[in-house]
Amino acid sequence: MTCPLVFHPSFSALGLVPFNINPHYIDTDPNSTHKGETREERILQYHEIPGTPPVLALREGSILKVEGDKAMLIGKFHARLFVPGKKTEEFPTGHNFSFLL
């Protein structure tokens, strides 16, 4: 049995933060034989839509702890920040992402 694609009208989710979080982010493996889109390609395609917010990509084992107006990256791995029209940046554990709030 196949599952049909379902259009969802919004990415607003719970609206807890004014940007998107991409959990379980996986880096592209240059040795992979996978011919589909990578997570990075999909995020960049998403940013072709005018007005889309930044996307913070969190690798497995990392979280963003948000308390009030403070947002800190906690865990084992760096995070990637995708902002429309800008080069993707890597940020280390312990980075303060409060500027996204």
Protein backbone atom coordinates (compact mmCIF):
# COMPACT_ATOMS: atom_id res chain seq x y z
CA MET A 1 0.00 0.00 0.00
CA THR A 2 1.31 3.46 -0.84
CA CYS A 3 0.85 6.60 1.20
CA PRO A 4 -0.38 9.68 -0.66
CA LEU A 5 1.45 12.97 -0.29
CA VAL A 6 -0.47 15.39 1.88
CA PHE A 7 -0.20 19.16 1.53
CA HIS A 8 0.09 20.97 4.82
CA PRO A 9 -0.95 24.62 4.72
CA SER A 10 1.66 25.97 7.16
CA PHE A 11 5.05 25.42 8.80
CA SER A 12 4.02 27.51 11.82
CA ALA A 13 3.93 24.44 14.14
CA LEU A 14 3.58 25.48 17.78
CA GLY A 15 5.04 28.94 17.21
CA LEU A 16 7.36 28.67 20.20
CA VAL A 17 10.27 30.27 18.30
CA PRO A 18 10.24 32.56 15.23
CA PHE A 19 12.39 30.21 13.14
CA ASN A 20 12.30 26.59 12.04
CA ILE A 21 14.17 23.79 13.79
CA ASN A 22 15.32 20.86 11.68
CA PRO A 23 15.99 18.07 14.21
CA HIS A 24 18.07 14.96 13.52
CA TYR A 25 20.03 16.82 10.82
CA ILE A 26 22.29 14.52 8.82
CA ASP A 27 25.30 15.82 6.91
CA THR A 28 25.71 14.80 3.29
CA ASP A 29 27.93 11.74 2.91
CA PRO A 30 30.13 12.29 -0.17
CA ASN A 31 30.64 8.50 -0.44
CA SER A 32 26.94 7.70 -0.43
CA THR A 33 25.29 6.16 -3.47
CA HIS A 34 21.98 7.81 -2.51
CA LYS A 35 20.72 9.80 -5.50
CA GLY A 36 17.91 11.70 -3.78
CA GLU A 37 17.93 15.15 -2.29
CA THR A 38 20.04 15.83 0.76
CA ARG A 39 18.68 17.57 3.83
CA GLU A 40 20.78 20.61 2.92
CA GLU A 41 19.32 20.73 -0.60
CA ARG A 42 15.78 20.56 0.76
CA ILE A 43 16.38 23.41 3.20
CA LEU A 44 17.94 25.55 0.46
CA GLN A 45 14.95 24.83 -1.79
CA TYR A 46 12.61 25.82 1.06
CA HIS A 47 14.44 29.14 1.30
CA GLU A 48 13.63 29.88 -2.34
CA ILE A 49 10.12 30.72 -1.09
CA PRO A 50 10.01 34.43 -0.20
CA GLY A 51 9.59 35.25 3.48
CA THR A 52 10.69 31.91 4.89
CA PRO A 53 12.37 32.08 8.31
CA PRO A 54 15.84 30.82 9.20
CA VAL A 55 16.30 27.08 9.81
CA LEU A 56 18.46 25.84 12.67
CA ALA A 57 19.59 22.30 11.88
CA LEU A 58 20.31 20.27 15.01
CA ARG A 59 22.34 17.09 14.74
CA GLU A 60 21.41 14.00 16.74
CA GLY A 61 22.54 14.46 20.35
CA SER A 62 22.12 18.25 20.46
CA ILE A 63 19.27 20.45 21.64
CA LEU A 64 18.39 24.10 21.74
CA LYS A 65 17.50 25.15 25.28
CA VAL A 66 15.20 28.17 25.24
CA GLU A 67 14.40 29.99 28.48
CA GLY A 68 12.79 33.39 28.19
CA ASP A 69 14.83 35.44 25.74
CA LYS A 70 17.87 33.14 25.86
CA ALA A 71 18.57 30.22 23.49
CA MET A 72 21.67 28.04 23.98
CA LEU A 73 22.93 25.08 21.96
CA ILE A 74 23.58 22.13 24.27
CA GLY A 75 24.90 18.69 23.42
CA LYS A 76 27.67 16.93 21.54
CA PHE A 77 27.55 18.45 18.07
CA HIS A 78 27.64 21.74 16.20
CA ALA A 79 24.47 23.15 14.63
CA ARG A 80 24.03 24.57 11.14
CA LEU A 81 22.14 27.80 10.57
CA PHE A 82 20.47 28.36 7.21
CA VAL A 83 19.34 31.95 6.60
CA PRO A 84 17.77 32.92 3.27
CA GLY A 85 20.25 34.81 1.09
CA LYS A 86 23.25 34.05 3.34
CA LYS A 87 25.95 31.40 3.44
CA THR A 88 25.20 28.47 5.76
CA GLU A 89 27.11 28.73 9.04
CA GLU A 90 28.27 26.17 11.63
CA PHE A 91 28.01 27.03 15.33
CA PRO A 92 29.62 25.10 18.21
CA THR A 93 27.97 23.65 21.28
CA GLY A 94 27.45 26.37 23.86
CA HIS A 95 26.65 28.99 21.22
CA ASN A 96 24.10 31.61 22.16
CA PHE A 97 21.32 31.71 19.53
CA SER A 98 19.32 34.39 21.35
CA PHE A 99 19.70 36.65 18.30
CA LEU A 100 17.20 34.38 16.50
CA LEU A 101 14.52 35.11 19.06
